C-alpha atoms as a PDB file:
ATOM      1  CA  MET A   1     -33.269 -27.662 -52.342  1.00  0.00           C
ATOM      2  CA  ALA A   2     -33.423 -24.675 -49.877  1.00  0.00           C
ATOM      3  CA  ASP A   3     -29.595 -23.984 -50.486  1.00  0.00           C
ATOM      4  CA  ARG A   4     -30.218 -24.118 -54.185  1.00  0.00           C
ATOM      5  CA  THR A   5     -33.124 -21.599 -53.969  1.00  0.00           C
ATOM      6  CA  ARG A   6     -30.866 -19.291 -51.770  1.00  0.00           C
ATOM      7  CA  THR A   7     -28.177 -19.433 -54.329  1.00  0.00           C
ATOM      8  CA  ARG A   8     -30.546 -18.778 -57.273  1.00  0.00           C
ATOM      9  CA  LEU A   9     -31.909 -15.788 -55.394  1.00  0.00           C
ATOM     10  CA  LEU A  10     -28.422 -14.301 -55.010  1.00  0.00           C
ATOM     11  CA  ASN A  11     -27.574 -15.026 -58.588  1.00  0.00           C
ATOM     12  CA  ALA A  12     -30.876 -13.341 -59.730  1.00  0.00           C
ATOM     13  CA  LEU A  13     -30.263 -10.227 -57.742  1.00  0.00           C
ATOM     14  CA  LYS A  14     -26.728 -10.176 -59.055  1.00  0.00           C
ATOM     15  CA  SER A  15     -27.588 -10.425 -62.629  1.00  0.00           C
ATOM     16  CA  SER A  16     -30.662  -8.438 -62.706  1.00  0.00           C
ATOM     17  CA  GLY A  17     -30.529  -5.858 -59.946  1.00  0.00           C
ATOM     18  CA  PRO A  18     -33.028  -4.870 -57.461  1.00  0.00           C
ATOM     19  CA  LYS A  19     -36.280  -6.933 -57.641  1.00  0.00           C
ATOM     20  CA  THR A  20     -39.460  -7.274 -55.644  1.00  0.00           C
ATOM     21  CA  ALA A  21     -40.168 -10.662 -54.041  1.00  0.00           C
ATOM     22  CA  ALA A  22     -42.954 -11.164 -56.665  1.00  0.00           C
ATOM     23  CA  ASP A  23     -40.737 -10.651 -59.461  1.00  0.00           C
ATOM     24  CA  LEU A  24     -38.144 -12.903 -58.009  1.00  0.00           C
ATOM     25  CA  ALA A  25     -40.784 -15.572 -57.346  1.00  0.00           C
ATOM     26  CA  GLU A  26     -41.967 -15.319 -61.121  1.00  0.00           C
ATOM     27  CA  GLY A  27     -38.410 -15.464 -62.507  1.00  0.00           C
ATOM     28  CA  LEU A  28     -37.376 -18.446 -60.436  1.00  0.00           C
ATOM     29  CA  ASN A  29     -40.718 -20.245 -60.773  1.00  0.00           C
ATOM     30  CA  VAL A  30     -41.099 -20.757 -56.889  1.00  0.00           C
ATOM     31  CA  THR A  31     -43.791 -19.535 -54.698  1.00  0.00           C
ATOM     32  CA  SER A  32     -43.889 -15.915 -53.136  1.00  0.00           C
ATOM     33  CA  VAL A  33     -43.970 -17.465 -49.741  1.00  0.00           C
ATOM     34  CA  ALA A  34     -40.855 -19.492 -50.243  1.00  0.00           C
ATOM     35  CA  VAL A  35     -39.004 -16.481 -51.748  1.00  0.00           C
ATOM     36  CA  ARG A  36     -39.894 -14.326 -48.730  1.00  0.00           C
ATOM     37  CA  GLN A  37     -38.621 -16.976 -46.291  1.00  0.00           C
ATOM     38  CA  HIS A  38     -35.252 -17.239 -48.067  1.00  0.00           C
ATOM     39  CA  LEU A  39     -35.018 -13.231 -48.264  1.00  0.00           C
ATOM     40  CA  ASP A  40     -35.648 -13.059 -44.607  1.00  0.00           C
ATOM     41  CA  GLY A  41     -32.713 -15.511 -43.949  1.00  0.00           C
ATOM     42  CA  LEU A  42     -30.427 -13.712 -46.356  1.00  0.00           C
ATOM     43  CA  LEU A  43     -31.529 -10.419 -44.571  1.00  0.00           C
ATOM     44  CA  GLN A  44     -30.396 -12.023 -41.286  1.00  0.00           C
ATOM     45  CA  ASP A  45     -27.073 -12.906 -42.760  1.00  0.00           C
ATOM     46  CA  ASP A  46     -26.706  -9.385 -44.111  1.00  0.00           C
ATOM     47  CA  LEU A  47     -26.403 -10.660 -47.735  1.00  0.00           C
ATOM     48  CA  VAL A  48     -29.502  -8.586 -48.924  1.00  0.00           C
ATOM     49  CA  ALA A  49     -31.338  -5.382 -47.969  1.00  0.00           C
ATOM     50  CA  PHE A  50     -34.613  -3.947 -48.892  1.00  0.00           C
ATOM     51  CA  GLU A  51     -36.126  -0.523 -49.625  1.00  0.00           C
ATOM     52  CA  ASP A  52     -39.696   0.430 -49.553  1.00  0.00           C
ATOM     53  CA  LEU A  53     -40.513   2.568 -52.697  1.00  0.00           C
ATOM     54  CA  LYS A  54     -43.739   4.798 -52.718  1.00  0.00           C
ATOM     55  CA  GLY A  55     -45.567   4.735 -55.919  1.00  0.00           C
ATOM     56  CA  SER A  56     -48.323   7.222 -56.959  1.00  0.00           C
ATOM     57  CA  VAL A  57     -51.026   4.759 -55.814  1.00  0.00           C
ATOM     58  CA  GLY A  58     -51.306   1.811 -53.446  1.00  0.00           C
ATOM     59  CA  ARG A  59     -48.792   0.443 -50.810  1.00  0.00           C
ATOM     60  CA  PRO A  60     -45.048   1.034 -51.002  1.00  0.00           C
ATOM     61  CA  LYS A  61     -43.354  -1.591 -53.101  1.00  0.00           C
ATOM     62  CA  ARG A  62     -40.564  -3.400 -51.270  1.00  0.00           C
ATOM     63  CA  VAL A  63     -37.569  -3.921 -53.542  1.00  0.00           C
ATOM     64  CA  TRP A  64     -34.651  -6.240 -52.574  1.00  0.00           C
ATOM     65  CA  ASP A  65     -30.966  -5.907 -53.468  1.00  0.00           C
ATOM     66  CA  LEU A  66     -27.586  -7.200 -52.600  1.00  0.00           C
ATOM     67  CA  THR A  67     -25.627  -5.793 -49.760  1.00  0.00           C
ATOM     68  CA  PRO A  68     -21.736  -5.357 -50.183  1.00  0.00           C
ATOM     69  CA  GLN A  69     -21.427  -8.784 -48.411  1.00  0.00           C
ATOM     70  CA  GLY A  70     -23.917 -10.180 -50.807  1.00  0.00           C
ATOM     71  CA  HIS A  71     -21.673  -9.113 -53.737  1.00  0.00           C
ATOM     72  CA  GLN A  72     -18.749 -10.785 -52.063  1.00  0.00           C
ATOM     73  CA  GLN A  73     -20.361 -14.114 -52.320  1.00  0.00           C
ATOM     74  CA  PHE A  74     -19.334 -14.113 -56.027  1.00  0.00           C
ATOM     75  CA  PRO A  75     -15.958 -14.770 -57.500  1.00  0.00           C
ATOM     76  CA  ASP A  76     -13.706 -11.616 -57.778  1.00  0.00           C
ATOM     77  CA  ASN A  77     -10.377 -11.676 -59.354  1.00  0.00           C
ATOM     78  CA  HIS A  78      -9.679  -8.019 -58.363  1.00  0.00           C
ATOM     79  CA  SER A  79      -7.400  -9.149 -55.369  1.00  0.00           C
ATOM     80  CA  ASN A  80      -5.123 -11.222 -57.720  1.00  0.00           C
ATOM     81  CA  LEU A  81      -4.966  -8.203 -60.187  1.00  0.00           C
ATOM     82  CA  VAL A  82      -4.006  -5.815 -57.377  1.00  0.00           C
ATOM     83  CA  LEU A  83      -1.409  -8.204 -56.005  1.00  0.00           C
ATOM     84  CA  GLY A  84      -0.024  -8.797 -59.471  1.00  0.00           C
ATOM     85  CA  LEU A  85       0.174  -5.008 -60.116  1.00  0.00           C
ATOM     86  CA  LEU A  86       1.879  -4.339 -56.794  1.00  0.00           C
ATOM     87  CA  ASN A  87       4.438  -7.185 -57.422  1.00  0.00           C
ATOM     88  CA  GLY A  88       5.130  -5.855 -60.985  1.00  0.00           C
ATOM     89  CA  LEU A  89       5.662  -2.226 -59.645  1.00  0.00           C
ATOM     90  CA  THR A  90       8.083  -3.411 -57.092  1.00  0.00           C
ATOM     91  CA  ASP A  91       9.898  -5.733 -59.622  1.00  0.00           C
ATOM     92  CA  LEU A  92      10.194  -2.676 -62.026  1.00  0.00           C
ATOM     93  CA  PHE A  93      10.763   0.330 -59.644  1.00  0.00           C
ATOM     94  CA  GLY A  94      11.650  -1.331 -56.331  1.00  0.00           C
ATOM     95  CA  ALA A  95      10.535  -0.586 -52.945  1.00  0.00           C
ATOM     96  CA  ASP A  96      10.865   3.200 -53.567  1.00  0.00           C
ATOM     97  CA  GLY A  97       8.572   3.034 -56.411  1.00  0.00           C
ATOM     98  CA  LEU A  98       5.845   1.308 -54.107  1.00  0.00           C
ATOM     99  CA  GLU A  99       6.362   4.055 -51.461  1.00  0.00           C
ATOM    100  CA  LYS A 100       5.834   6.617 -54.181  1.00  0.00           C
ATOM    101  CA  LEU A 101       2.673   5.035 -55.252  1.00  0.00           C
ATOM    102  CA  ILE A 102       1.333   4.942 -51.575  1.00  0.00           C
ATOM    103  CA  SER A 103       2.415   8.602 -51.081  1.00  0.00           C
ATOM    104  CA  HIS A 104       0.680   9.605 -54.178  1.00  0.00           C
ATOM    105  CA  ARG A 105      -2.666   7.848 -53.159  1.00  0.00           C
ATOM    106  CA  GLU A 106      -2.315   9.510 -49.741  1.00  0.00           C
ATOM    107  CA  GLU A 107      -1.859  12.999 -51.290  1.00  0.00           C
ATOM    108  CA  HIS A 108      -4.867  12.516 -53.526  1.00  0.00           C
ATOM    109  CA  SER A 109      -7.068  11.488 -50.662  1.00  0.00           C
ATOM    110  CA  ARG A 110      -5.839  14.247 -48.491  1.00  0.00           C
ATOM    111  CA  ILE A 111      -6.893  16.887 -51.168  1.00  0.00           C
ATOM    112  CA  ALA A 112     -10.340  15.309 -51.328  1.00  0.00           C
ATOM    113  CA  TYR A 113     -10.912  14.825 -47.542  1.00  0.00           C
ATOM    114  CA  LEU A 114      -9.773  18.435 -46.801  1.00  0.00           C
ATOM    115  CA  GLU A 115     -12.122  19.737 -49.323  1.00  0.00           C
ATOM    116  CA  ALA A 116     -15.011  17.780 -47.851  1.00  0.00           C
ATOM    117  CA  LEU A 117     -14.136  18.815 -44.287  1.00  0.00           C
ATOM    118  CA  SER A 118     -13.537  22.468 -45.076  1.00  0.00           C
ATOM    119  CA  GLU A 119     -17.117  23.526 -43.978  1.00  0.00           C
ATOM    120  CA  THR A 120     -17.008  21.473 -40.670  1.00  0.00           C
ATOM    121  CA  SER A 121     -16.058  23.129 -37.439  1.00  0.00           C
ATOM    122  CA  SER A 122     -16.619  20.661 -34.483  1.00  0.00           C
ATOM    123  CA  LEU A 123     -14.688  17.520 -34.102  1.00  0.00           C
ATOM    124  CA  SER A 124     -17.965  15.336 -34.287  1.00  0.00           C
ATOM    125  CA  GLU A 125     -18.882  16.893 -37.526  1.00  0.00           C
ATOM    126  CA  LYS A 126     -15.228  16.202 -38.899  1.00  0.00           C
ATOM    127  CA  VAL A 127     -15.605  12.684 -37.717  1.00  0.00           C
ATOM    128  CA  GLY A 128     -19.116  12.270 -39.247  1.00  0.00           C
ATOM    129  CA  VAL A 129     -17.986  13.437 -42.528  1.00  0.00           C
ATOM    130  CA  LEU A 130     -14.816  11.350 -42.450  1.00  0.00           C
ATOM    131  CA  ALA A 131     -17.059   8.285 -41.828  1.00  0.00           C
ATOM    132  CA  GLU A 132     -19.222   9.202 -44.820  1.00  0.00           C
ATOM    133  CA  LEU A 133     -16.209   9.533 -47.137  1.00  0.00           C
ATOM    134  CA  ARG A 134     -14.878   6.217 -45.936  1.00  0.00           C
ATOM    135  CA  THR A 135     -18.254   4.546 -46.476  1.00  0.00           C
ATOM    136  CA  GLN A 136     -18.370   5.813 -49.997  1.00  0.00           C
ATOM    137  CA  GLU A 137     -15.030   4.087 -50.502  1.00  0.00           C
ATOM    138  CA  GLY A 138     -16.353   0.774 -49.374  1.00  0.00           C
ATOM    139  CA  TYR A 139     -15.168   0.674 -45.779  1.00  0.00           C
ATOM    140  CA  MET A 140     -18.602   0.500 -44.287  1.00  0.00           C
ATOM    141  CA  ALA A 141     -17.611   3.162 -41.588  1.00  0.00           C
ATOM    142  CA  ASP A 142     -19.621   4.048 -38.498  1.00  0.00           C
ATOM    143  CA  VAL A 143     -19.082   6.558 -35.655  1.00  0.00           C
ATOM    144  CA  ALA A 144     -19.666   5.907 -31.912  1.00  0.00           C
ATOM    145  CA  GLN A 145     -19.096   8.315 -29.181  1.00  0.00           C
ATOM    146  CA  GLU A 146     -16.724   7.239 -26.367  1.00  0.00           C
ATOM    147  CA  GLY A 147     -16.345   9.700 -23.532  1.00  0.00           C
ATOM    148  CA  ASP A 148     -15.160  13.088 -24.907  1.00  0.00           C
ATOM    149  CA  GLY A 149     -14.015  11.375 -28.040  1.00  0.00           C
ATOM    150  CA  PHE A 150     -15.265   9.253 -30.944  1.00  0.00           C
ATOM    151  CA  LEU A 151     -14.613   5.823 -32.466  1.00  0.00           C
ATOM    152  CA  LEU A 152     -14.409   5.618 -36.246  1.00  0.00           C
ATOM    153  CA  ILE A 153     -15.222   1.880 -36.945  1.00  0.00           C
ATOM    154  CA  GLU A 154     -14.523   0.467 -40.281  1.00  0.00           C
ATOM    155  CA  ASN A 155     -16.354  -2.901 -40.690  1.00  0.00           C
ATOM    156  CA  HIS A 156     -14.850  -3.787 -43.979  1.00  0.00           C
ATOM    157  CA  CYS A 157     -11.441  -3.049 -45.752  1.00  0.00           C
ATOM    158  CA  SER A 158     -11.820  -2.213 -49.417  1.00  0.00           C
ATOM    159  CA  ILE A 159      -8.161  -2.449 -49.984  1.00  0.00           C
ATOM    160  CA  CYS A 160      -7.415  -5.717 -48.131  1.00  0.00           C
ATOM    161  CA  ALA A 161      -5.389  -7.268 -50.758  1.00  0.00           C
ATOM    162  CA  ALA A 162      -3.143  -4.201 -51.150  1.00  0.00           C
ATOM    163  CA  ALA A 163      -2.851  -3.734 -47.367  1.00  0.00           C
ATOM    164  CA  THR A 164      -1.908  -7.401 -46.792  1.00  0.00           C
ATOM    165  CA  ALA A 165       0.695  -7.284 -49.497  1.00  0.00           C
ATOM    166  CA  CYS A 166       2.034  -3.865 -48.108  1.00  0.00           C
ATOM    167  CA  GLN A 167       1.193  -2.593 -44.810  1.00  0.00           C
ATOM    168  CA  GLY A 168       2.501   0.784 -45.907  1.00  0.00           C
ATOM    169  CA  PHE A 169      -1.135   1.304 -46.985  1.00  0.00           C
ATOM    170  CA  CYS A 170      -2.277   0.959 -43.421  1.00  0.00           C
ATOM    171  CA  ARG A 171       0.307   3.237 -42.091  1.00  0.00           C
ATOM    172  CA  SER A 172      -0.599   5.814 -44.740  1.00  0.00           C
ATOM    173  CA  GLU A 173      -4.183   5.826 -43.814  1.00  0.00           C
ATOM    174  CA  LEU A 174      -3.476   6.359 -40.236  1.00  0.00           C
ATOM    175  CA  LYS A 175      -1.312   9.331 -41.095  1.00  0.00           C
ATOM    176  CA  LEU A 176      -3.986  10.587 -43.420  1.00  0.00           C
ATOM    177  CA  PHE A 177      -6.598  10.755 -40.726  1.00  0.00           C
ATOM    178  CA  GLN A 178      -4.009  12.552 -38.364  1.00  0.00           C
ATOM    179  CA  ASP A 179      -3.414  14.982 -41.015  1.00  0.00           C
ATOM    180  CA  VAL A 180      -6.776  15.943 -42.127  1.00  0.00           C
ATOM    181  CA  LEU A 181      -8.149  16.160 -38.554  1.00  0.00           C
ATOM    182  CA  GLY A 182      -5.394  18.402 -37.565  1.00  0.00           C
ATOM    183  CA  PRO A 183      -2.738  18.897 -34.963  1.00  0.00           C
ATOM    184  CA  ASP A 184      -5.210  19.490 -32.082  1.00  0.00           C
ATOM    185  CA  VAL A 185      -6.540  15.788 -32.585  1.00  0.00           C
ATOM    186  CA  ASP A 186      -5.099  12.525 -31.446  1.00  0.00           C
ATOM    187  CA  VAL A 187      -5.776   9.506 -33.660  1.00  0.00           C
ATOM    188  CA  GLU A 188      -5.061   6.019 -32.338  1.00  0.00           C
ATOM    189  CA  ARG A 189      -5.813   2.747 -34.012  1.00  0.00           C
ATOM    190  CA  LEU A 190      -7.351   0.393 -31.559  1.00  0.00           C
ATOM    191  CA  GLU A 191      -8.347  -2.678 -33.698  1.00  0.00           C
ATOM    192  CA  HIS A 192      -6.760  -3.791 -37.018  1.00  0.00           C
ATOM    193  CA  GLN A 193      -8.055  -6.385 -39.357  1.00  0.00           C
ATOM    194  CA  LEU A 194      -4.660  -7.407 -40.637  1.00  0.00           C
ATOM    195  CA  SER A 195      -3.715  -8.154 -37.073  1.00  0.00           C
ATOM    196  CA  GLY A 196      -6.538 -10.555 -36.697  1.00  0.00           C
ATOM    197  CA  ASP A 197      -9.264  -8.216 -35.463  1.00  0.00           C
ATOM    198  CA  ARG A 198     -12.818  -8.297 -37.141  1.00  0.00           C
ATOM    199  CA  ARG A 199     -12.654  -4.749 -38.129  1.00  0.00           C
ATOM    200  CA  CYS A 200     -10.544  -1.572 -37.898  1.00  0.00           C
ATOM    201  CA  VAL A 201     -11.392   0.872 -34.996  1.00  0.00           C
ATOM    202  CA  TYR A 202      -9.714   4.295 -34.460  1.00  0.00           C
ATOM    203  CA  ARG A 203     -10.112   6.448 -31.389  1.00  0.00           C
ATOM    204  CA  ILE A 204     -10.314  10.117 -32.234  1.00  0.00           C
ATOM    205  CA  GLU A 205     -10.325  12.843 -29.538  1.00  0.00           C
ATOM    206  CA  ALA A 206      -9.300  16.406 -28.935  1.00  0.00           C
ATOM    207  CA  ARG A 207      -5.672  16.643 -27.652  1.00  0.00           C
ATOM    208  CA  ALA A 208      -5.381  17.621 -24.088  1.00  0.00           C
END
């Protein structure tokens, strides 16, 4: 029964969007106490998150929604679509066609990243903006300082299917980081999801 209620909560948030615990309880015909207990469990599993919204009067209203991990609990055929497109591209245009696609994506990202970084000066600012850009693209990026440099940590790979099919995408992204951060910066990949690590981690530091 508990697993069923948990599943129903995820389905309700997926189909209806952000809801309060009271709204969820009413829609599922269960008690608010039970809903809050399940939401706490889903929160610990990083499947849901909440935001306290202030109204004109009274206490803030806590609204719950799915996290990216929560959305991943639902069937998604985009991976098969991506793999099918890449295989079709290779069949039609060969390996050169796939490389041209990777280069085109890289150049498009380079232009966007350089524009976003144009008003930054310090390396810390550049890495911070880069992490924001990557998070917007679904990589769930964080920054941690390490000595005189920084770690760019990507907790999710939003192009995992494509990168698994062709590691040229990973090679392209490493080159992209190096290009937009400039020749005075060293970028090294320390962890790699496709090599079995939990996440991708890049060390970024000023070149000695």
